[in-house]
Amino acid sequence: MIRLRPATEADAPRAAEIVIAVDVAEVGEPDYSLEDLREEWAEPGFALAKDAMVAESGGETIGYAHFRSGDLLVAVDPERQGEGAGTALLGWAEARGRERGEPFLRQAVGDRATTARTLLEANGWSVARSYYRLERALGDEGDAEFRALQESDDLYPVYEAAFSRNADYTPRDPEAWRQRSLHGHNVDPETTRVEPGKGFALVRRWEDGVAYVELLAVHPDHAGRGLGGTLLTAVFAAARANGYVQVVLNVASDNPNALRLYERVGMTQRWRIDDYHKPLPD
C-alpha cells in the first residue's frame, strides 16, 4: 500500500539517495547530490510542505518528487519500481501542478529507462526533445582567454536574453537563478569565463577532476561572431590550468547550432536523457 506525505527536512538524505540510484540505473552514473537537493529546497518560492512529496510502503520511503520552478523531478527506488509509487507521485504532481498554475509538466528520463517510459507514456506524456551529455578530455589547451567570475558580476541579463527565445526555456525568478547559479555549493569562479555584457561559460566543480559547464550563454546582440566557441575553448584552458582532466556539458537536440559547435571542439556523446512533457489544461 503506497502512502504519500509531504517531505520534511529529515527526508533529504533518503530523497537524494533515491534520485542518485535512478541516475545510475538510467544513465550509468550519478548526476545529482544531496547538496543539489538542499540548494533546490532553499530556492526562493520553494515551499517544502507543498512542493515536495515522498512515497512510502511499509514505513519505508521508496519514492520522491518535487517541483523546482516549472520542472518536476519524480524518482522511485529502482528496486521498488512497479509497486505503484510512480503512479501515485505523478497523480500528486498533476494536482499540485494545477494548483501552481503550471501550463505543463516536464520530467527527464534517462536513455536506459524502461519502466519510467512505459508509465509516463501510458499517462499521456510524450518526448519533447532530448539532451545529450557531451564530454572532452583535456590535454595541452594553451592559455585561457577572458576573465574569471567576480563577486560583482550579474550574469542573469545575459542568461535571460540568450535563452528566453529557446523552445525549452522555463522562466526563472531572477533571485532564485542568481542564488542557484552564481552561489551554488560547487560553482567554480576561477574556471568560469566571463565577457561582461556579452557572454559567459559558467562552470561547476565535480568529483574526479570533472568540470561541468552548466551554462554557455551569448547575448543575441553578440551572437554569430564565434564568441561561444571562444568562451568554451577558454574554459578548456582554464580547467586544465586549475587541475581538471575532463569537461562535460549538456546540449538539447533541438539546438543544432550548439551541437555542431561542441562537436567541432572535440566533444563526444556520453549518454542521453529525454525530456517528457504533459500539458495541464485549464
C-alpha atoms as a PDB file:
ATOM      1  CA  MET A   1       0.000   0.000   0.000  1.00  0.00           C
ATOM      2  CA  ILE A   2       1.511   3.325  -1.111  1.00  0.00           C
ATOM      3  CA  ARG A   3       1.200   6.278   1.250  1.00  0.00           C
ATOM      4  CA  LEU A   4       2.089   9.819   0.207  1.00  0.00           C
ATOM      5  CA  ARG A   5       3.113  12.525   2.652  1.00  0.00           C
ATOM      6  CA  PRO A   6       4.809  15.931   2.386  1.00  0.00           C
ATOM      7  CA  ALA A   7       8.589  15.794   2.600  1.00  0.00           C
ATOM      8  CA  THR A   8      10.398  17.145   5.657  1.00  0.00           C
ATOM      9  CA  GLU A   9      13.990  18.184   6.243  1.00  0.00           C
ATOM     10  CA  ALA A  10      14.693  14.729   7.656  1.00  0.00           C
ATOM     11  CA  ASP A  11      13.828  13.171   4.287  1.00  0.00           C
ATOM     12  CA  ALA A  12      16.621  14.916   2.388  1.00  0.00           C
ATOM     13  CA  PRO A  13      19.295  12.157   2.571  1.00  0.00           C
ATOM     14  CA  ARG A  14      16.919   9.384   1.518  1.00  0.00           C
ATOM     15  CA  ALA A  15      15.370  11.518  -1.237  1.00  0.00           C
ATOM     16  CA  ALA A  16      18.792  12.285  -2.709  1.00  0.00           C
ATOM     17  CA  GLU A  17      19.778   8.631  -2.390  1.00  0.00           C
ATOM     18  CA  ILE A  18      16.749   7.597  -4.473  1.00  0.00           C
ATOM     19  CA  VAL A  19      17.455  10.194  -7.179  1.00  0.00           C
ATOM     20  CA  ILE A  20      21.086   9.090  -7.385  1.00  0.00           C
ATOM     21  CA  ALA A  21      20.060   5.421  -7.622  1.00  0.00           C
ATOM     22  CA  VAL A  22      17.740   6.304 -10.520  1.00  0.00           C
ATOM     23  CA  ASP A  23      20.580   8.190 -12.251  1.00  0.00           C
ATOM     24  CA  VAL A  24      22.845   5.149 -12.003  1.00  0.00           C
ATOM     25  CA  ALA A  25      20.115   2.864 -13.348  1.00  0.00           C
ATOM     26  CA  GLU A  26      19.091   5.180 -16.202  1.00  0.00           C
ATOM     27  CA  VAL A  27      22.364   6.746 -17.409  1.00  0.00           C
ATOM     28  CA  GLY A  28      25.044   4.698 -15.689  1.00  0.00           C
ATOM     29  CA  GLU A  29      26.383   7.264 -13.233  1.00  0.00           C
ATOM     30  CA  PRO A  30      25.244   9.758 -10.568  1.00  0.00           C
ATOM     31  CA  ASP A  31      24.139  13.151 -11.891  1.00  0.00           C
ATOM     32  CA  TYR A  32      22.798  14.558  -8.609  1.00  0.00           C
ATOM     33  CA  SER A  33      23.834  15.015  -4.995  1.00  0.00           C
ATOM     34  CA  LEU A  34      22.447  15.773  -1.555  1.00  0.00           C
ATOM     35  CA  GLU A  35      23.940  19.273  -1.884  1.00  0.00           C
ATOM     36  CA  ASP A  36      21.997  19.785  -5.122  1.00  0.00           C
ATOM     37  CA  LEU A  37      18.760  18.814  -3.404  1.00  0.00           C
ATOM     38  CA  ARG A  38      19.370  21.118  -0.444  1.00  0.00           C
ATOM     39  CA  GLU A  39      20.115  24.024  -2.805  1.00  0.00           C
ATOM     40  CA  GLU A  40      16.883  23.410  -4.688  1.00  0.00           C
ATOM     41  CA  TRP A  41      14.916  23.282  -1.453  1.00  0.00           C
ATOM     42  CA  ALA A  42      16.482  26.599  -0.415  1.00  0.00           C
ATOM     43  CA  GLU A  43      15.477  28.460  -3.581  1.00  0.00           C
ATOM     44  CA  PRO A  44      13.101  31.422  -3.132  1.00  0.00           C
ATOM     45  CA  GLY A  45       9.493  30.397  -3.695  1.00  0.00           C
ATOM     46  CA  PHE A  46      10.024  26.704  -2.913  1.00  0.00           C
ATOM     47  CA  ALA A  47       7.603  25.506  -0.209  1.00  0.00           C
ATOM     48  CA  LEU A  48       8.840  22.172   1.166  1.00  0.00           C
ATOM     49  CA  ALA A  49       5.485  21.257   2.711  1.00  0.00           C
ATOM     50  CA  LYS A  50       3.676  21.814  -0.614  1.00  0.00           C
ATOM     51  CA  ASP A  51       6.229  21.271  -3.386  1.00  0.00           C
ATOM     52  CA  ALA A  52       7.909  18.026  -2.278  1.00  0.00           C
ATOM     53  CA  MET A  53       6.364  14.634  -1.616  1.00  0.00           C
ATOM     54  CA  VAL A  54       7.610  11.224  -0.536  1.00  0.00           C
ATOM     55  CA  ALA A  55       6.029   7.835  -1.224  1.00  0.00           C
ATOM     56  CA  GLU A  56       6.169   5.195   1.487  1.00  0.00           C
ATOM     57  CA  SER A  57       5.441   1.492   1.542  1.00  0.00           C
ATOM     58  CA  GLY A  58       5.518  -0.449   4.789  1.00  0.00           C
ATOM     59  CA  GLY A  59       7.014   2.583   6.518  1.00  0.00           C
ATOM     60  CA  GLU A  60       9.948   2.782   4.074  1.00  0.00           C
ATOM     61  CA  THR A  61      10.474   5.701   1.699  1.00  0.00           C
ATOM     62  CA  ILE A  62      10.627   4.280  -1.818  1.00  0.00           C
ATOM     63  CA  GLY A  63       9.855   7.348  -3.954  1.00  0.00           C
ATOM     64  CA  TYR A  64      10.281  11.092  -4.027  1.00  0.00           C
ATOM     65  CA  ALA A  65       9.053  14.039  -6.116  1.00  0.00           C
ATOM     66  CA  HIS A  66       9.418  17.827  -6.122  1.00  0.00           C
ATOM     67  CA  PHE A  67       8.856  20.899  -8.242  1.00  0.00           C
ATOM     68  CA  ARG A  68      11.660  23.333  -8.986  1.00  0.00           C
ATOM     69  CA  SER A  69      10.240  26.311 -10.835  1.00  0.00           C
ATOM     70  CA  GLY A  70       8.378  24.640 -13.718  1.00  0.00           C
ATOM     71  CA  ASP A  71      10.389  21.408 -13.643  1.00  0.00           C
ATOM     72  CA  LEU A  72       9.231  18.206 -11.995  1.00  0.00           C
ATOM     73  CA  LEU A  73      11.515  15.573 -10.505  1.00  0.00           C
ATOM     74  CA  VAL A  74       9.965  12.156  -9.822  1.00  0.00           C
ATOM     75  CA  ALA A  75      12.168   9.263  -8.717  1.00  0.00           C
ATOM     76  CA  VAL A  76      11.332   5.770  -7.481  1.00  0.00           C
ATOM     77  CA  ASP A  77      13.898   3.419  -5.979  1.00  0.00           C
ATOM     78  CA  PRO A  78      14.880   1.107  -8.886  1.00  0.00           C
ATOM     79  CA  GLU A  79      14.498  -1.876  -6.555  1.00  0.00           C
ATOM     80  CA  ARG A  80      10.890  -0.885  -5.784  1.00  0.00           C
ATOM     81  CA  GLN A  81       9.532   0.095  -9.184  1.00  0.00           C
ATOM     82  CA  GLY A  82       6.234  -1.460 -10.208  1.00  0.00           C
ATOM     83  CA  GLU A  83       4.659  -1.154  -6.761  1.00  0.00           C
ATOM     84  CA  GLY A  84       2.610   1.971  -7.562  1.00  0.00           C
ATOM     85  CA  ALA A  85       4.804   4.719  -6.117  1.00  0.00           C
ATOM     86  CA  GLY A  86       5.420   6.300  -9.528  1.00  0.00           C
ATOM     87  CA  THR A  87       1.719   6.366 -10.377  1.00  0.00           C
ATOM     88  CA  ALA A  88       0.873   7.931  -7.009  1.00  0.00           C
ATOM     89  CA  LEU A  89       3.578  10.599  -7.314  1.00  0.00           C
ATOM     90  CA  LEU A  90       2.548  11.506 -10.859  1.00  0.00           C
ATOM     91  CA  GLY A  91      -1.038  11.917  -9.662  1.00  0.00           C
ATOM     92  CA  TRP A  92       0.138  14.254  -6.917  1.00  0.00           C
ATOM     93  CA  ALA A  93       2.310  16.155  -9.417  1.00  0.00           C
ATOM     94  CA  GLU A  94      -0.601  16.812 -11.764  1.00  0.00           C
ATOM     95  CA  ALA A  95      -2.780  18.089  -8.920  1.00  0.00           C
ATOM     96  CA  ARG A  96      -0.013  20.252  -7.490  1.00  0.00           C
ATOM     97  CA  GLY A  97       0.937  21.488 -10.953  1.00  0.00           C
ATOM     98  CA  ARG A  98      -2.589  22.766 -11.495  1.00  0.00           C
ATOM     99  CA  GLU A  99      -2.543  24.483  -8.104  1.00  0.00           C
ATOM    100  CA  ARG A 100       0.712  26.184  -9.089  1.00  0.00           C
ATOM    101  CA  GLY A 101      -0.729  27.260 -12.437  1.00  0.00           C
ATOM    102  CA  GLU A 102       1.779  25.268 -14.486  1.00  0.00           C
ATOM    103  CA  PRO A 103       0.824  25.013 -18.190  1.00  0.00           C
ATOM    104  CA  PHE A 104       2.580  21.638 -18.460  1.00  0.00           C
ATOM    105  CA  LEU A 105       4.758  19.217 -16.542  1.00  0.00           C
ATOM    106  CA  ARG A 106       8.238  18.158 -17.620  1.00  0.00           C
ATOM    107  CA  GLN A 107      10.252  15.191 -16.412  1.00  0.00           C
ATOM    108  CA  ALA A 108      13.654  13.918 -17.552  1.00  0.00           C
ATOM    109  CA  VAL A 109      14.157  10.196 -18.201  1.00  0.00           C
ATOM    110  CA  GLY A 110      17.496   8.519 -18.905  1.00  0.00           C
ATOM    111  CA  ASP A 111      18.166   6.608 -22.104  1.00  0.00           C
ATOM    112  CA  ARG A 112      18.297   3.259 -20.254  1.00  0.00           C
ATOM    113  CA  ALA A 113      14.939   3.687 -18.529  1.00  0.00           C
ATOM    114  CA  THR A 114      12.105   1.321 -19.414  1.00  0.00           C
ATOM    115  CA  THR A 115       9.637   1.296 -16.529  1.00  0.00           C
ATOM    116  CA  ALA A 116       9.525   5.092 -16.289  1.00  0.00           C
ATOM    117  CA  ARG A 117       8.924   5.499 -20.034  1.00  0.00           C
ATOM    118  CA  THR A 118       6.103   2.978 -20.009  1.00  0.00           C
ATOM    119  CA  LEU A 119       4.446   4.698 -17.062  1.00  0.00           C
ATOM    120  CA  LEU A 120       4.751   8.206 -18.482  1.00  0.00           C
ATOM    121  CA  GLU A 121       3.526   7.292 -21.951  1.00  0.00           C
ATOM    122  CA  ALA A 122       0.582   5.379 -20.515  1.00  0.00           C
ATOM    123  CA  ASN A 123      -0.411   8.553 -18.666  1.00  0.00           C
ATOM    124  CA  GLY A 124      -0.319  10.928 -21.637  1.00  0.00           C
ATOM    125  CA  TRP A 125       3.297  12.108 -21.556  1.00  0.00           C
ATOM    126  CA  SER A 126       5.416  12.417 -24.700  1.00  0.00           C
ATOM    127  CA  VAL A 127       9.024  13.317 -25.561  1.00  0.00           C
ATOM    128  CA  ALA A 128       9.502  16.990 -26.420  1.00  0.00           C
ATOM    129  CA  ARG A 129      13.272  16.832 -27.006  1.00  0.00           C
ATOM    130  CA  SER A 130      16.406  15.060 -25.847  1.00  0.00           C
ATOM    131  CA  TYR A 131      19.510  16.268 -24.044  1.00  0.00           C
ATOM    132  CA  TYR A 132      22.943  14.818 -24.709  1.00  0.00           C
ATOM    133  CA  ARG A 133      25.752  14.686 -22.187  1.00  0.00           C
ATOM    134  CA  LEU A 134      28.941  15.506 -24.059  1.00  0.00           C
ATOM    135  CA  GLU A 135      32.488  15.090 -22.798  1.00  0.00           C
ATOM    136  CA  ARG A 136      36.027  16.026 -23.729  1.00  0.00           C
ATOM    137  CA  ALA A 137      39.334  15.043 -22.178  1.00  0.00           C
ATOM    138  CA  LEU A 138      41.826  17.844 -21.573  1.00  0.00           C
ATOM    139  CA  GLY A 139      45.342  17.990 -22.976  1.00  0.00           C
ATOM    140  CA  ASP A 140      47.587  20.884 -23.977  1.00  0.00           C
ATOM    141  CA  GLU A 141      44.975  23.645 -24.043  1.00  0.00           C
ATOM    142  CA  GLY A 142      47.085  26.802 -24.326  1.00  0.00           C
ATOM    143  CA  ASP A 143      46.255  29.960 -22.372  1.00  0.00           C
ATOM    144  CA  ALA A 144      42.812  30.866 -21.035  1.00  0.00           C
ATOM    145  CA  GLU A 145      41.123  33.917 -22.529  1.00  0.00           C
ATOM    146  CA  PHE A 146      38.590  36.195 -20.834  1.00  0.00           C
ATOM    147  CA  ARG A 147      38.443  36.625 -17.090  1.00  0.00           C
ATOM    148  CA  ALA A 148      37.118  34.617 -14.169  1.00  0.00           C
ATOM    149  CA  LEU A 149      33.769  35.205 -12.450  1.00  0.00           C
ATOM    150  CA  GLN A 150      33.810  38.072  -9.965  1.00  0.00           C
ATOM    151  CA  GLU A 151      31.557  38.590  -6.950  1.00  0.00           C
ATOM    152  CA  SER A 152      30.078  41.722  -8.516  1.00  0.00           C
ATOM    153  CA  ASP A 153      29.119  40.005 -11.801  1.00  0.00           C
ATOM    154  CA  ASP A 154      25.420  39.723 -12.570  1.00  0.00           C
ATOM    155  CA  LEU A 155      25.053  37.201 -15.390  1.00  0.00           C
ATOM    156  CA  TYR A 156      21.262  36.988 -15.286  1.00  0.00           C
ATOM    157  CA  PRO A 157      20.561  39.621 -18.002  1.00  0.00           C
ATOM    158  CA  VAL A 158      22.773  37.762 -20.480  1.00  0.00           C
ATOM    159  CA  TYR A 159      21.211  34.424 -19.480  1.00  0.00           C
ATOM    160  CA  GLU A 160      17.680  35.807 -19.929  1.00  0.00           C
ATOM    161  CA  ALA A 161      18.479  37.361 -23.305  1.00  0.00           C
ATOM    162  CA  ALA A 162      20.287  34.268 -24.567  1.00  0.00           C
ATOM    163  CA  PHE A 163      17.771  31.607 -23.554  1.00  0.00           C
ATOM    164  CA  SER A 164      14.338  33.249 -23.386  1.00  0.00           C
ATOM    165  CA  ARG A 165      13.645  32.520 -27.064  1.00  0.00           C
ATOM    166  CA  ASN A 166      14.502  28.808 -26.789  1.00  0.00           C
ATOM    167  CA  ALA A 167      11.714  26.245 -27.049  1.00  0.00           C
ATOM    168  CA  ASP A 168      12.733  24.617 -23.760  1.00  0.00           C
ATOM    169  CA  TYR A 169      13.099  27.873 -21.808  1.00  0.00           C
ATOM    170  CA  THR A 170      11.481  27.896 -18.382  1.00  0.00           C
ATOM    171  CA  PRO A 171      11.231  31.334 -16.734  1.00  0.00           C
ATOM    172  CA  ARG A 172      13.218  31.546 -13.509  1.00  0.00           C
ATOM    173  CA  ASP A 173      12.833  34.009 -10.698  1.00  0.00           C
ATOM    174  CA  PRO A 174      15.948  36.220 -11.062  1.00  0.00           C
ATOM    175  CA  GLU A 175      16.935  35.929  -7.407  1.00  0.00           C
ATOM    176  CA  ALA A 176      16.411  32.171  -7.398  1.00  0.00           C
ATOM    177  CA  TRP A 177      18.535  31.895 -10.529  1.00  0.00           C
ATOM    178  CA  ARG A 178      21.328  34.018  -9.060  1.00  0.00           C
ATOM    179  CA  GLN A 179      21.318  32.057  -5.802  1.00  0.00           C
ATOM    180  CA  ARG A 180      21.457  28.698  -7.549  1.00  0.00           C
ATOM    181  CA  SER A 181      23.714  29.538 -10.496  1.00  0.00           C
ATOM    182  CA  LEU A 182      26.170  32.056  -9.052  1.00  0.00           C
ATOM    183  CA  HIS A 183      26.369  30.971  -5.418  1.00  0.00           C
ATOM    184  CA  GLY A 184      25.837  27.207  -5.585  1.00  0.00           C
ATOM    185  CA  HIS A 185      27.958  24.904  -3.456  1.00  0.00           C
ATOM    186  CA  ASN A 186      30.220  23.797  -6.326  1.00  0.00           C
ATOM    187  CA  VAL A 187      30.310  26.828  -8.605  1.00  0.00           C
ATOM    188  CA  ASP A 188      33.928  27.394  -9.705  1.00  0.00           C
ATOM    189  CA  PRO A 189      34.508  31.140 -10.227  1.00  0.00           C
ATOM    190  CA  GLU A 190      38.139  30.652 -11.253  1.00  0.00           C
ATOM    191  CA  THR A 191      37.306  28.348 -14.163  1.00  0.00           C
ATOM    192  CA  THR A 192      34.143  30.175 -15.224  1.00  0.00           C
ATOM    193  CA  ARG A 193      34.867  32.541 -18.123  1.00  0.00           C
ATOM    194  CA  VAL A 194      33.113  35.916 -18.499  1.00  0.00           C
ATOM    195  CA  GLU A 195      32.975  38.536 -21.232  1.00  0.00           C
ATOM    196  CA  PRO A 196      30.935  41.206 -19.398  1.00  0.00           C
ATOM    197  CA  GLY A 197      27.623  42.044 -21.026  1.00  0.00           C
ATOM    198  CA  LYS A 198      28.310  39.719 -23.949  1.00  0.00           C
ATOM    199  CA  GLY A 199      28.593  36.130 -22.772  1.00  0.00           C
ATOM    200  CA  PHE A 200      29.777  33.639 -20.189  1.00  0.00           C
ATOM    201  CA  ALA A 201      30.535  29.965 -19.596  1.00  0.00           C
ATOM    202  CA  LEU A 202      29.509  29.000 -16.056  1.00  0.00           C
ATOM    203  CA  VAL A 203      31.429  26.074 -14.561  1.00  0.00           C
ATOM    204  CA  ARG A 204      30.754  23.793 -11.607  1.00  0.00           C
ATOM    205  CA  ARG A 205      33.393  21.608  -9.940  1.00  0.00           C
ATOM    206  CA  TRP A 206      32.525  17.917  -9.896  1.00  0.00           C
ATOM    207  CA  GLU A 207      34.399  14.992  -8.407  1.00  0.00           C
ATOM    208  CA  ASP A 208      37.205  13.115 -10.155  1.00  0.00           C
ATOM    209  CA  GLY A 209      38.591  16.182 -11.913  1.00  0.00           C
ATOM    210  CA  VAL A 210      35.459  16.923 -13.953  1.00  0.00           C
ATOM    211  CA  ALA A 211      34.465  20.486 -14.874  1.00  0.00           C
ATOM    212  CA  TYR A 212      30.764  20.774 -15.720  1.00  0.00           C
ATOM    213  CA  VAL A 213      29.789  23.677 -17.993  1.00  0.00           C
ATOM    214  CA  GLU A 214      26.319  24.337 -16.637  1.00  0.00           C
ATOM    215  CA  LEU A 215      25.606  27.235 -18.989  1.00  0.00           C
ATOM    216  CA  LEU A 216      27.217  28.662 -22.117  1.00  0.00           C
ATOM    217  CA  ALA A 217      25.397  31.891 -22.963  1.00  0.00           C
ATOM    218  CA  VAL A 218      25.961  34.573 -25.583  1.00  0.00           C
ATOM    219  CA  HIS A 219      23.817  37.705 -25.719  1.00  0.00           C
ATOM    220  CA  PRO A 220      21.891  37.836 -29.042  1.00  0.00           C
ATOM    221  CA  ASP A 221      23.461  41.226 -29.806  1.00  0.00           C
ATOM    222  CA  HIS A 222      26.844  39.492 -29.931  1.00  0.00           C
ATOM    223  CA  ALA A 223      25.867  36.155 -31.472  1.00  0.00           C
ATOM    224  CA  GLY A 224      27.296  34.852 -34.736  1.00  0.00           C
ATOM    225  CA  ARG A 225      30.810  36.138 -34.091  1.00  0.00           C
ATOM    226  CA  GLY A 226      32.396  32.999 -32.638  1.00  0.00           C
ATOM    227  CA  LEU A 227      32.135  34.117 -29.020  1.00  0.00           C
ATOM    228  CA  GLY A 228      30.509  30.874 -27.848  1.00  0.00           C
ATOM    229  CA  GLY A 229      33.287  28.733 -29.232  1.00  0.00           C
ATOM    230  CA  THR A 230      35.970  31.035 -27.877  1.00  0.00           C
ATOM    231  CA  LEU A 231      34.402  31.002 -24.401  1.00  0.00           C
ATOM    232  CA  LEU A 232      34.275  27.214 -24.440  1.00  0.00           C
ATOM    233  CA  THR A 233      37.886  26.787 -25.527  1.00  0.00           C
ATOM    234  CA  ALA A 234      38.832  29.313 -22.833  1.00  0.00           C
ATOM    235  CA  VAL A 235      37.090  27.041 -20.308  1.00  0.00           C
ATOM    236  CA  PHE A 236      39.162  24.106 -21.550  1.00  0.00           C
ATOM    237  CA  ALA A 237      42.356  26.087 -20.935  1.00  0.00           C
ATOM    238  CA  ALA A 238      41.247  27.387 -17.522  1.00  0.00           C
ATOM    239  CA  ALA A 239      40.061  23.929 -16.488  1.00  0.00           C
ATOM    240  CA  ARG A 240      43.388  22.365 -17.405  1.00  0.00           C
ATOM    241  CA  ALA A 241      45.255  25.097 -15.524  1.00  0.00           C
ATOM    242  CA  ASN A 242      43.047  24.519 -12.480  1.00  0.00           C
ATOM    243  CA  GLY A 243      43.685  20.786 -12.306  1.00  0.00           C
ATOM    244  CA  TYR A 244      40.742  19.293 -14.176  1.00  0.00           C
ATOM    245  CA  VAL A 245      41.111  16.356 -16.538  1.00  0.00           C
ATOM    246  CA  GLN A 246      37.746  16.467 -18.314  1.00  0.00           C
ATOM    247  CA  VAL A 247      34.979  18.907 -19.322  1.00  0.00           C
ATOM    248  CA  VAL A 248      31.327  17.851 -19.693  1.00  0.00           C
ATOM    249  CA  LEU A 249      28.110  19.669 -20.592  1.00  0.00           C
ATOM    250  CA  ASN A 250      24.536  19.090 -21.774  1.00  0.00           C
ATOM    251  CA  VAL A 251      23.017  20.174 -25.092  1.00  0.00           C
ATOM    252  CA  ALA A 252      19.443  19.975 -26.381  1.00  0.00           C
ATOM    253  CA  SER A 253      18.627  18.009 -29.522  1.00  0.00           C
ATOM    254  CA  ASP A 254      16.689  20.977 -30.924  1.00  0.00           C
ATOM    255  CA  ASN A 255      19.729  23.245 -30.663  1.00  0.00           C
ATOM    256  CA  PRO A 256      21.689  22.002 -33.706  1.00  0.00           C
ATOM    257  CA  ASN A 257      23.968  25.049 -33.842  1.00  0.00           C
ATOM    258  CA  ALA A 258      25.227  24.382 -30.324  1.00  0.00           C
ATOM    259  CA  LEU A 259      25.570  20.665 -31.029  1.00  0.00           C
ATOM    260  CA  ARG A 260      27.728  21.391 -34.096  1.00  0.00           C
ATOM    261  CA  LEU A 261      29.829  23.847 -32.094  1.00  0.00           C
ATOM    262  CA  TYR A 262      30.542  21.296 -29.366  1.00  0.00           C
ATOM    263  CA  GLU A 263      31.397  18.605 -31.889  1.00  0.00           C
ATOM    264  CA  ARG A 264      33.811  20.985 -33.641  1.00  0.00           C
ATOM    265  CA  VAL A 265      35.776  21.463 -30.434  1.00  0.00           C
ATOM    266  CA  GLY A 266      36.094  17.714 -29.916  1.00  0.00           C
ATOM    267  CA  MET A 267      33.210  16.847 -27.590  1.00  0.00           C
ATOM    268  CA  THR A 268      31.520  13.451 -27.928  1.00  0.00           C
ATOM    269  CA  GLN A 269      28.288  11.929 -26.595  1.00  0.00           C
ATOM    270  CA  ARG A 270      28.326  10.050 -23.298  1.00  0.00           C
ATOM    271  CA  TRP A 271      24.609   9.469 -22.714  1.00  0.00           C
ATOM    272  CA  ARG A 272      21.147  10.889 -23.412  1.00  0.00           C
ATOM    273  CA  ILE A 273      18.101  11.884 -21.419  1.00  0.00           C
ATOM    274  CA  ASP A 274      14.649  12.508 -22.882  1.00  0.00           C
ATOM    275  CA  ASP A 275      12.553  15.479 -21.817  1.00  0.00           C
ATOM    276  CA  TYR A 276       8.960  14.254 -21.355  1.00  0.00           C
ATOM    277  CA  HIS A 277       6.110  16.790 -21.257  1.00  0.00           C
ATOM    278  CA  LYS A 278       2.446  16.615 -20.341  1.00  0.00           C
ATOM    279  CA  PRO A 279       0.056  19.574 -20.876  1.00  0.00           C
ATOM    280  CA  LEU A 280      -2.149  20.617 -17.964  1.00  0.00           C
ATOM    281  CA  PRO A 281      -5.361  22.005 -19.486  1.00  0.00           C
ATOM    282  CA  ASP A 282      -7.268  24.649 -17.532  1.00  0.00           C
END
